[in-house]
Amino acid sequence: MLQKHAKKIGNYVMLLLAIIWLVPLVWMTVTAFRPRQAALSGFWTADFTLDNFSTVWSAAPFAVYYLNTLLIVFCVFAVQMLTSTMAAFAFARIPFVGSGLVFLLFLAQIMIPADVLIFPNYNILKQLALLDTKLGIMLPYLASAFGIFLLRQVFKTIPHELEEAAYLEGASRWEVLWKVYFPLSRPTYVAFALVSISYQWNNFLWPLIVTNSVENRPLTVGLSIFAQSFEVGVQWTEVSAATLLVIVPLLIIFLVFQRQFIDSFMHSGIK
């Protein structure tokens, strides 16, 4: 009985936290569709408009920001998937001297915030003449310690018999990796894709430091510059509309793949 009541209390607490999390999202969404005069009047009206979105789209080069962000996000994920898959397979299935120590070093990287490495990364990009380039934004993130850890956990759960059967059929190690391990780990790749894409989509400080031109700015930096461009105060309707344009793709992706995201972490043994 006590356990049942504790479970109910836990559900109510989670529901309360979900409502608190939704409040600013709902307020921003409603404000984005309201006229400027009605948004902050303090009185509820049924007036809604799409003019805020057209104003935002014409006031800043959001189309360029979108293209830059999509290119950065998907290029980073594609390279991360390749490097993380090969490294995870090596840690899970290829014995070599010092593998445990090397893996611990990879795990240590997870505990180091990316912001700590901004100064050395900036100096390296400066020496390579990659400042204010899309490649310069992507370069520090082309390998993912979290992705290696996540995929290694999943690869270790795949039965050895499947790998041995593939070798008996004449498959090479490369073919075993991409024809046996990769298909059986697709839910985990979905989860990793959500983590990688959401992080790169929301990445702000590093792109802000290394970019100076519109041609290379992602959405987060463009949104910040747009919000600071008003001469008199902050126009909350336009800022809300711009913010909604930035976050809607992530919300849609998460809502579509949320079940695979949760299942992959449960199956990989991560609590």
C-alpha atoms as a PDB file:
ATOM      1  CA  MET A   1       0.000   0.000   0.000  1.00  0.00           C
ATOM      2  CA  LEU A   2       2.776   2.408   0.919  1.00  0.00           C
ATOM      3  CA  GLN A   3       4.557   1.656  -2.347  1.00  0.00           C
ATOM      4  CA  LYS A   4       1.356   2.334  -4.287  1.00  0.00           C
ATOM      5  CA  HIS A   5       0.909   5.741  -2.638  1.00  0.00           C
ATOM      6  CA  ALA A   6       4.569   6.601  -3.254  1.00  0.00           C
ATOM      7  CA  LYS A   7       4.108   5.775  -6.936  1.00  0.00           C
ATOM      8  CA  LYS A   8       1.058   8.034  -7.146  1.00  0.00           C
ATOM      9  CA  ILE A   9       2.941  10.883  -5.463  1.00  0.00           C
ATOM     10  CA  GLY A  10       5.814  10.390  -7.889  1.00  0.00           C
ATOM     11  CA  ASN A  11       3.397  10.584 -10.830  1.00  0.00           C
ATOM     12  CA  TYR A  12       1.860  13.789  -9.491  1.00  0.00           C
ATOM     13  CA  VAL A  13       5.300  15.338  -8.999  1.00  0.00           C
ATOM     14  CA  MET A  14       6.305  14.455 -12.578  1.00  0.00           C
ATOM     15  CA  LEU A  15       3.023  15.884 -13.859  1.00  0.00           C
ATOM     16  CA  LEU A  16       3.618  19.102 -11.918  1.00  0.00           C
ATOM     17  CA  LEU A  17       7.162  19.400 -13.303  1.00  0.00           C
ATOM     18  CA  ALA A  18       5.848  18.799 -16.837  1.00  0.00           C
ATOM     19  CA  ILE A  19       3.288  21.589 -16.429  1.00  0.00           C
ATOM     20  CA  ILE A  20       5.956  23.967 -15.077  1.00  0.00           C
ATOM     21  CA  TRP A  21       8.178  23.102 -18.066  1.00  0.00           C
ATOM     22  CA  LEU A  22       5.295  23.698 -20.496  1.00  0.00           C
ATOM     23  CA  VAL A  23       4.292  27.117 -19.138  1.00  0.00           C
ATOM     24  CA  PRO A  24       7.021  29.187 -20.898  1.00  0.00           C
ATOM     25  CA  LEU A  25       6.618  27.114 -24.086  1.00  0.00           C
ATOM     26  CA  VAL A  26       2.866  27.736 -24.186  1.00  0.00           C
ATOM     27  CA  TRP A  27       3.323  31.440 -23.377  1.00  0.00           C
ATOM     28  CA  MET A  28       5.910  31.816 -26.151  1.00  0.00           C
ATOM     29  CA  THR A  29       3.699  29.987 -28.669  1.00  0.00           C
ATOM     30  CA  VAL A  30       0.650  32.107 -27.879  1.00  0.00           C
ATOM     31  CA  THR A  31       2.679  35.341 -27.937  1.00  0.00           C
ATOM     32  CA  ALA A  32       4.165  34.457 -31.328  1.00  0.00           C
ATOM     33  CA  PHE A  33       0.687  34.409 -32.886  1.00  0.00           C
ATOM     34  CA  ARG A  34      -0.706  37.532 -31.209  1.00  0.00           C
ATOM     35  CA  PRO A  35      -0.579  41.142 -32.434  1.00  0.00           C
ATOM     36  CA  ARG A  36       2.016  43.325 -30.743  1.00  0.00           C
ATOM     37  CA  GLN A  37      -0.568  45.575 -29.085  1.00  0.00           C
ATOM     38  CA  ALA A  38      -2.522  42.644 -27.617  1.00  0.00           C
ATOM     39  CA  ALA A  39       0.413  40.478 -26.522  1.00  0.00           C
ATOM     40  CA  LEU A  40       1.341  42.495 -23.421  1.00  0.00           C
ATOM     41  CA  SER A  41      -1.932  44.294 -22.768  1.00  0.00           C
ATOM     42  CA  GLY A  42      -2.860  42.121 -19.780  1.00  0.00           C
ATOM     43  CA  PHE A  43      -6.306  41.373 -21.245  1.00  0.00           C
ATOM     44  CA  TRP A  44      -7.091  38.222 -23.195  1.00  0.00           C
ATOM     45  CA  THR A  45      -8.383  38.697 -26.728  1.00  0.00           C
ATOM     46  CA  ALA A  46      -9.058  36.292 -29.557  1.00  0.00           C
ATOM     47  CA  ASP A  47      -6.845  38.225 -31.980  1.00  0.00           C
ATOM     48  CA  PHE A  48      -4.254  36.078 -33.715  1.00  0.00           C
ATOM     49  CA  THR A  49      -1.977  36.839 -36.647  1.00  0.00           C
ATOM     50  CA  LEU A  50       0.822  35.387 -38.773  1.00  0.00           C
ATOM     51  CA  ASP A  51       2.390  38.791 -39.411  1.00  0.00           C
ATOM     52  CA  ASN A  52       5.023  38.223 -36.734  1.00  0.00           C
ATOM     53  CA  PHE A  53       6.492  35.305 -38.686  1.00  0.00           C
ATOM     54  CA  SER A  54       6.579  37.206 -41.972  1.00  0.00           C
ATOM     55  CA  THR A  55       8.199  40.171 -40.212  1.00  0.00           C
ATOM     56  CA  VAL A  56      10.850  37.953 -38.647  1.00  0.00           C
ATOM     57  CA  TRP A  57      11.574  36.075 -41.865  1.00  0.00           C
ATOM     58  CA  SER A  58      12.085  39.308 -43.803  1.00  0.00           C
ATOM     59  CA  ALA A  59      13.985  41.157 -41.054  1.00  0.00           C
ATOM     60  CA  ALA A  60      16.807  38.614 -40.758  1.00  0.00           C
ATOM     61  CA  PRO A  61      18.320  36.013 -43.130  1.00  0.00           C
ATOM     62  CA  PHE A  62      16.739  33.065 -41.343  1.00  0.00           C
ATOM     63  CA  ALA A  63      16.763  31.002 -44.534  1.00  0.00           C
ATOM     64  CA  VAL A  64      20.580  31.225 -44.562  1.00  0.00           C
ATOM     65  CA  TYR A  65      20.708  30.440 -40.844  1.00  0.00           C
ATOM     66  CA  TYR A  66      18.538  27.375 -41.407  1.00  0.00           C
ATOM     67  CA  LEU A  67      20.713  26.082 -44.228  1.00  0.00           C
ATOM     68  CA  ASN A  68      23.871  26.633 -42.181  1.00  0.00           C
ATOM     69  CA  THR A  69      22.388  24.856 -39.165  1.00  0.00           C
ATOM     70  CA  LEU A  70      21.127  21.895 -41.191  1.00  0.00           C
ATOM     71  CA  LEU A  71      24.505  21.490 -42.865  1.00  0.00           C
ATOM     72  CA  ILE A  72      26.403  21.674 -39.571  1.00  0.00           C
ATOM     73  CA  VAL A  73      24.027  19.365 -37.695  1.00  0.00           C
ATOM     74  CA  PHE A  74      23.863  16.584 -40.260  1.00  0.00           C
ATOM     75  CA  CYS A  75      27.537  16.689 -41.224  1.00  0.00           C
ATOM     76  CA  VAL A  76      28.571  16.463 -37.571  1.00  0.00           C
ATOM     77  CA  PHE A  77      26.189  13.574 -36.936  1.00  0.00           C
ATOM     78  CA  ALA A  78      27.299  11.680 -40.057  1.00  0.00           C
ATOM     79  CA  VAL A  79      30.971  11.882 -39.045  1.00  0.00           C
ATOM     80  CA  GLN A  80      30.155  11.135 -35.396  1.00  0.00           C
ATOM     81  CA  MET A  81      28.206   8.064 -36.411  1.00  0.00           C
ATOM     82  CA  LEU A  82      31.141   6.761 -38.459  1.00  0.00           C
ATOM     83  CA  THR A  83      33.842   7.467 -35.874  1.00  0.00           C
ATOM     84  CA  SER A  84      31.747   6.364 -32.884  1.00  0.00           C
ATOM     85  CA  THR A  85      30.681   3.128 -34.581  1.00  0.00           C
ATOM     86  CA  MET A  86      34.236   2.100 -35.419  1.00  0.00           C
ATOM     87  CA  ALA A  87      35.608   3.056 -31.998  1.00  0.00           C
ATOM     88  CA  ALA A  88      32.745   1.342 -30.146  1.00  0.00           C
ATOM     89  CA  PHE A  89      33.221  -1.839 -32.182  1.00  0.00           C
ATOM     90  CA  ALA A  90      36.929  -1.815 -31.374  1.00  0.00           C
ATOM     91  CA  PHE A  91      36.276  -1.416 -27.637  1.00  0.00           C
ATOM     92  CA  ALA A  92      33.513  -4.031 -27.593  1.00  0.00           C
ATOM     93  CA  ARG A  93      34.891  -6.760 -29.865  1.00  0.00           C
ATOM     94  CA  ILE A  94      38.588  -6.244 -30.703  1.00  0.00           C
ATOM     95  CA  PRO A  95      40.964  -6.994 -27.807  1.00  0.00           C
ATOM     96  CA  PHE A  96      44.109  -4.872 -27.718  1.00  0.00           C
ATOM     97  CA  VAL A  97      46.660  -3.869 -25.122  1.00  0.00           C
ATOM     98  CA  GLY A  98      45.484  -1.034 -22.898  1.00  0.00           C
ATOM     99  CA  SER A  99      41.880  -1.085 -24.182  1.00  0.00           C
ATOM    100  CA  GLY A 100      40.485  -0.576 -20.665  1.00  0.00           C
ATOM    101  CA  LEU A 101      42.725   2.421 -19.999  1.00  0.00           C
ATOM    102  CA  VAL A 102      41.963   4.003 -23.360  1.00  0.00           C
ATOM    103  CA  PHE A 103      38.238   3.526 -22.796  1.00  0.00           C
ATOM    104  CA  LEU A 104      38.506   5.214 -19.397  1.00  0.00           C
ATOM    105  CA  LEU A 105      40.181   8.181 -21.088  1.00  0.00           C
ATOM    106  CA  PHE A 106      37.234   8.382 -23.482  1.00  0.00           C
ATOM    107  CA  LEU A 107      34.818   8.279 -20.546  1.00  0.00           C
ATOM    108  CA  ALA A 108      36.751  11.081 -18.859  1.00  0.00           C
ATOM    109  CA  GLN A 109      35.966  13.306 -21.852  1.00  0.00           C
ATOM    110  CA  ILE A 110      32.256  13.050 -21.054  1.00  0.00           C
ATOM    111  CA  MET A 111      32.904  14.805 -17.730  1.00  0.00           C
ATOM    112  CA  ILE A 112      34.783  17.709 -19.375  1.00  0.00           C
ATOM    113  CA  PRO A 113      32.408  20.492 -20.520  1.00  0.00           C
ATOM    114  CA  ALA A 114      32.983  21.577 -24.095  1.00  0.00           C
ATOM    115  CA  ASP A 115      33.175  25.216 -22.962  1.00  0.00           C
ATOM    116  CA  VAL A 116      36.398  24.470 -21.046  1.00  0.00           C
ATOM    117  CA  LEU A 117      38.154  23.705 -24.340  1.00  0.00           C
ATOM    118  CA  ILE A 118      37.036  26.830 -26.174  1.00  0.00           C
ATOM    119  CA  PHE A 119      40.341  28.701 -25.806  1.00  0.00           C
ATOM    120  CA  PRO A 120      42.662  25.886 -27.042  1.00  0.00           C
ATOM    121  CA  ASN A 121      40.218  24.984 -29.813  1.00  0.00           C
ATOM    122  CA  TYR A 122      40.108  28.618 -30.923  1.00  0.00           C
ATOM    123  CA  ASN A 123      43.903  28.796 -31.086  1.00  0.00           C
ATOM    124  CA  ILE A 124      44.044  25.609 -33.159  1.00  0.00           C
ATOM    125  CA  LEU A 125      41.452  26.916 -35.610  1.00  0.00           C
ATOM    126  CA  LYS A 126      43.347  30.186 -35.875  1.00  0.00           C
ATOM    127  CA  GLN A 127      46.519  28.316 -36.782  1.00  0.00           C
ATOM    128  CA  LEU A 128      44.604  26.263 -39.348  1.00  0.00           C
ATOM    129  CA  ALA A 129      42.937  29.401 -40.803  1.00  0.00           C
ATOM    130  CA  LEU A 130      39.489  27.907 -40.132  1.00  0.00           C
ATOM    131  CA  LEU A 131      37.944  30.761 -38.155  1.00  0.00           C
ATOM    132  CA  ASP A 132      34.579  31.933 -39.493  1.00  0.00           C
ATOM    133  CA  THR A 133      34.000  28.708 -41.424  1.00  0.00           C
ATOM    134  CA  LYS A 134      31.421  25.951 -41.088  1.00  0.00           C
ATOM    135  CA  LEU A 135      34.217  23.402 -40.839  1.00  0.00           C
ATOM    136  CA  GLY A 136      35.639  25.363 -37.908  1.00  0.00           C
ATOM    137  CA  ILE A 137      32.294  25.068 -36.091  1.00  0.00           C
ATOM    138  CA  MET A 138      32.099  21.321 -36.760  1.00  0.00           C
ATOM    139  CA  LEU A 139      35.699  20.273 -36.152  1.00  0.00           C
ATOM    140  CA  PRO A 140      35.701  19.998 -32.314  1.00  0.00           C
ATOM    141  CA  TYR A 141      32.596  17.787 -32.394  1.00  0.00           C
ATOM    142  CA  LEU A 142      33.465  15.235 -35.079  1.00  0.00           C
ATOM    143  CA  ALA A 143      34.137  12.580 -32.414  1.00  0.00           C
ATOM    144  CA  SER A 144      31.752  11.859 -29.542  1.00  0.00           C
ATOM    145  CA  ALA A 145      32.828  10.109 -26.342  1.00  0.00           C
ATOM    146  CA  PHE A 146      29.177   9.745 -25.356  1.00  0.00           C
ATOM    147  CA  GLY A 147      28.358   8.088 -28.682  1.00  0.00           C
ATOM    148  CA  ILE A 148      31.279   5.666 -28.285  1.00  0.00           C
ATOM    149  CA  PHE A 149      30.148   4.732 -24.779  1.00  0.00           C
ATOM    150  CA  LEU A 150      26.501   4.296 -25.794  1.00  0.00           C
ATOM    151  CA  LEU A 151      27.256   2.137 -28.843  1.00  0.00           C
ATOM    152  CA  ARG A 152      29.851   0.058 -26.998  1.00  0.00           C
ATOM    153  CA  GLN A 153      27.254  -0.858 -24.388  1.00  0.00           C
ATOM    154  CA  VAL A 154      24.866  -2.023 -27.107  1.00  0.00           C
ATOM    155  CA  PHE A 155      27.498  -3.890 -29.159  1.00  0.00           C
ATOM    156  CA  LYS A 156      28.480  -5.901 -26.082  1.00  0.00           C
ATOM    157  CA  THR A 157      24.908  -7.213 -25.785  1.00  0.00           C
ATOM    158  CA  ILE A 158      24.869  -8.632 -29.339  1.00  0.00           C
ATOM    159  CA  PRO A 159      25.570 -12.412 -29.289  1.00  0.00           C
ATOM    160  CA  HIS A 160      28.995 -13.531 -30.502  1.00  0.00           C
ATOM    161  CA  GLU A 161      27.325 -16.304 -32.485  1.00  0.00           C
ATOM    162  CA  LEU A 162      25.976 -13.825 -35.019  1.00  0.00           C
ATOM    163  CA  GLU A 163      29.459 -12.447 -35.614  1.00  0.00           C
ATOM    164  CA  GLU A 164      30.970 -15.934 -35.921  1.00  0.00           C
ATOM    165  CA  ALA A 165      28.268 -16.990 -38.382  1.00  0.00           C
ATOM    166  CA  ALA A 166      29.017 -13.953 -40.529  1.00  0.00           C
ATOM    167  CA  TYR A 167      32.730 -14.791 -40.542  1.00  0.00           C
ATOM    168  CA  LEU A 168      31.923 -18.363 -41.580  1.00  0.00           C
ATOM    169  CA  GLU A 169      29.957 -16.944 -44.521  1.00  0.00           C
ATOM    170  CA  GLY A 170      33.103 -15.129 -45.639  1.00  0.00           C
ATOM    171  CA  ALA A 171      32.236 -11.651 -44.340  1.00  0.00           C
ATOM    172  CA  SER A 172      35.060  -9.280 -43.492  1.00  0.00           C
ATOM    173  CA  ARG A 173      35.236  -7.409 -40.199  1.00  0.00           C
ATOM    174  CA  TRP A 174      34.004  -4.271 -41.946  1.00  0.00           C
ATOM    175  CA  GLU A 175      30.988  -6.169 -43.333  1.00  0.00           C
ATOM    176  CA  VAL A 176      30.251  -7.684 -39.927  1.00  0.00           C
ATOM    177  CA  LEU A 177      30.220  -4.198 -38.428  1.00  0.00           C
ATOM    178  CA  TRP A 178      27.816  -2.667 -40.949  1.00  0.00           C
ATOM    179  CA  LYS A 179      25.671  -5.727 -41.782  1.00  0.00           C
ATOM    180  CA  VAL A 180      25.327  -7.275 -38.324  1.00  0.00           C
ATOM    181  CA  TYR A 181      26.013  -4.748 -35.576  1.00  0.00           C
ATOM    182  CA  PHE A 182      24.660  -1.641 -37.283  1.00  0.00           C
ATOM    183  CA  PRO A 183      21.177  -3.037 -38.160  1.00  0.00           C
ATOM    184  CA  LEU A 184      20.740  -4.561 -34.694  1.00  0.00           C
ATOM    185  CA  SER A 185      21.574  -1.243 -33.023  1.00  0.00           C
ATOM    186  CA  ARG A 186      19.232   1.047 -34.956  1.00  0.00           C
ATOM    187  CA  PRO A 187      17.161   2.180 -31.913  1.00  0.00           C
ATOM    188  CA  THR A 188      20.386   3.263 -30.227  1.00  0.00           C
ATOM    189  CA  TYR A 189      21.438   5.177 -33.324  1.00  0.00           C
ATOM    190  CA  VAL A 190      18.087   6.980 -33.211  1.00  0.00           C
ATOM    191  CA  ALA A 191      18.743   7.990 -29.593  1.00  0.00           C
ATOM    192  CA  PHE A 192      22.275   9.080 -30.403  1.00  0.00           C
ATOM    193  CA  ALA A 193      20.992  11.048 -33.389  1.00  0.00           C
ATOM    194  CA  LEU A 194      18.513  12.910 -31.171  1.00  0.00           C
ATOM    195  CA  VAL A 195      21.221  13.761 -28.637  1.00  0.00           C
ATOM    196  CA  SER A 196      23.725  14.845 -31.287  1.00  0.00           C
ATOM    197  CA  ILE A 197      21.249  16.816 -33.401  1.00  0.00           C
ATOM    198  CA  SER A 198      19.677  18.603 -30.420  1.00  0.00           C
ATOM    199  CA  TYR A 199      23.084  19.548 -29.031  1.00  0.00           C
ATOM    200  CA  GLN A 200      24.385  20.916 -32.311  1.00  0.00           C
ATOM    201  CA  TRP A 201      21.082  22.638 -33.089  1.00  0.00           C
ATOM    202  CA  ASN A 202      21.190  24.459 -29.740  1.00  0.00           C
ATOM    203  CA  ASN A 203      24.944  25.066 -29.690  1.00  0.00           C
ATOM    204  CA  PHE A 204      25.490  28.786 -29.165  1.00  0.00           C
ATOM    205  CA  LEU A 205      28.716  29.847 -27.465  1.00  0.00           C
ATOM    206  CA  TRP A 206      31.209  28.127 -29.770  1.00  0.00           C
ATOM    207  CA  PRO A 207      29.557  29.305 -33.045  1.00  0.00           C
ATOM    208  CA  LEU A 208      29.218  32.793 -31.576  1.00  0.00           C
ATOM    209  CA  ILE A 209      32.974  32.956 -30.937  1.00  0.00           C
ATOM    210  CA  VAL A 210      34.237  31.517 -34.222  1.00  0.00           C
ATOM    211  CA  THR A 211      31.788  33.098 -36.711  1.00  0.00           C
ATOM    212  CA  ASN A 212      31.640  36.689 -37.920  1.00  0.00           C
ATOM    213  CA  SER A 213      29.648  36.501 -41.152  1.00  0.00           C
ATOM    214  CA  VAL A 214      26.026  35.789 -41.992  1.00  0.00           C
ATOM    215  CA  GLU A 215      27.120  33.062 -44.420  1.00  0.00           C
ATOM    216  CA  ASN A 216      28.382  30.890 -41.534  1.00  0.00           C
ATOM    217  CA  ARG A 217      26.112  31.738 -38.604  1.00  0.00           C
ATOM    218  CA  PRO A 218      23.708  29.058 -37.314  1.00  0.00           C
ATOM    219  CA  LEU A 219      20.209  29.699 -36.035  1.00  0.00           C
ATOM    220  CA  THR A 220      21.130  30.200 -32.382  1.00  0.00           C
ATOM    221  CA  VAL A 221      23.590  32.988 -33.145  1.00  0.00           C
ATOM    222  CA  GLY A 222      21.241  34.531 -35.693  1.00  0.00           C
ATOM    223  CA  LEU A 223      18.395  34.512 -33.162  1.00  0.00           C
ATOM    224  CA  SER A 224      20.577  36.231 -30.555  1.00  0.00           C
ATOM    225  CA  ILE A 225      21.616  38.948 -32.992  1.00  0.00           C
ATOM    226  CA  PHE A 226      18.007  39.401 -34.119  1.00  0.00           C
ATOM    227  CA  ALA A 227      16.782  39.787 -30.520  1.00  0.00           C
ATOM    228  CA  GLN A 228      19.387  42.505 -29.900  1.00  0.00           C
ATOM    229  CA  SER A 229      18.582  44.405 -33.094  1.00  0.00           C
ATOM    230  CA  PHE A 230      15.581  46.325 -31.753  1.00  0.00           C
ATOM    231  CA  GLU A 231      16.319  49.961 -31.081  1.00  0.00           C
ATOM    232  CA  VAL A 232      13.576  50.425 -28.477  1.00  0.00           C
ATOM    233  CA  GLY A 233      13.043  47.580 -26.025  1.00  0.00           C
ATOM    234  CA  VAL A 234      12.400  43.947 -26.880  1.00  0.00           C
ATOM    235  CA  GLN A 235       9.536  43.165 -29.230  1.00  0.00           C
ATOM    236  CA  TRP A 236       8.297  39.998 -27.568  1.00  0.00           C
ATOM    237  CA  THR A 237       5.972  38.985 -30.374  1.00  0.00           C
ATOM    238  CA  GLU A 238       8.747  38.990 -32.979  1.00  0.00           C
ATOM    239  CA  VAL A 239      11.252  37.361 -30.624  1.00  0.00           C
ATOM    240  CA  SER A 240       8.724  34.659 -29.721  1.00  0.00           C
ATOM    241  CA  ALA A 241       7.996  34.024 -33.380  1.00  0.00           C
ATOM    242  CA  ALA A 242      11.712  33.761 -34.170  1.00  0.00           C
ATOM    243  CA  THR A 243      12.291  31.432 -31.217  1.00  0.00           C
ATOM    244  CA  LEU A 244       9.409  29.237 -32.329  1.00  0.00           C
ATOM    245  CA  LEU A 245      10.908  29.009 -35.810  1.00  0.00           C
ATOM    246  CA  VAL A 246      14.147  27.790 -34.245  1.00  0.00           C
ATOM    247  CA  ILE A 247      12.777  25.154 -31.856  1.00  0.00           C
ATOM    248  CA  VAL A 248       9.869  23.662 -33.843  1.00  0.00           C
ATOM    249  CA  PRO A 249      12.037  21.193 -35.847  1.00  0.00           C
ATOM    250  CA  LEU A 250      13.543  19.795 -32.626  1.00  0.00           C
ATOM    251  CA  LEU A 251      10.134  19.428 -30.988  1.00  0.00           C
ATOM    252  CA  ILE A 252       8.780  17.562 -34.003  1.00  0.00           C
ATOM    253  CA  ILE A 253      11.791  15.230 -34.158  1.00  0.00           C
ATOM    254  CA  PHE A 254      11.577  14.405 -30.457  1.00  0.00           C
ATOM    255  CA  LEU A 255       7.823  13.790 -30.522  1.00  0.00           C
ATOM    256  CA  VAL A 256       8.202  11.440 -33.499  1.00  0.00           C
ATOM    257  CA  PHE A 257      11.137   9.447 -32.073  1.00  0.00           C
ATOM    258  CA  GLN A 258      10.580   9.721 -28.315  1.00  0.00           C
ATOM    259  CA  ARG A 259       9.688   6.032 -27.866  1.00  0.00           C
ATOM    260  CA  GLN A 260      12.832   4.853 -29.679  1.00  0.00           C
ATOM    261  CA  PHE A 261      14.844   7.352 -27.642  1.00  0.00           C
ATOM    262  CA  ILE A 262      13.619   5.965 -24.304  1.00  0.00           C
ATOM    263  CA  ASP A 263      13.789   2.305 -25.378  1.00  0.00           C
ATOM    264  CA  SER A 264      17.367   2.576 -26.579  1.00  0.00           C
ATOM    265  CA  PHE A 265      18.612   3.811 -23.201  1.00  0.00           C
ATOM    266  CA  MET A 266      16.677   1.080 -21.384  1.00  0.00           C
ATOM    267  CA  HIS A 267      18.125  -1.637 -23.617  1.00  0.00           C
ATOM    268  CA  SER A 268      21.666  -0.290 -23.353  1.00  0.00           C
ATOM    269  CA  GLY A 269      21.601  -0.575 -19.566  1.00  0.00           C
ATOM    270  CA  ILE A 270      21.766   3.172 -18.859  1.00  0.00           C
ATOM    271  CA  LYS A 271      19.467   4.168 -16.027  1.00  0.00           C
END
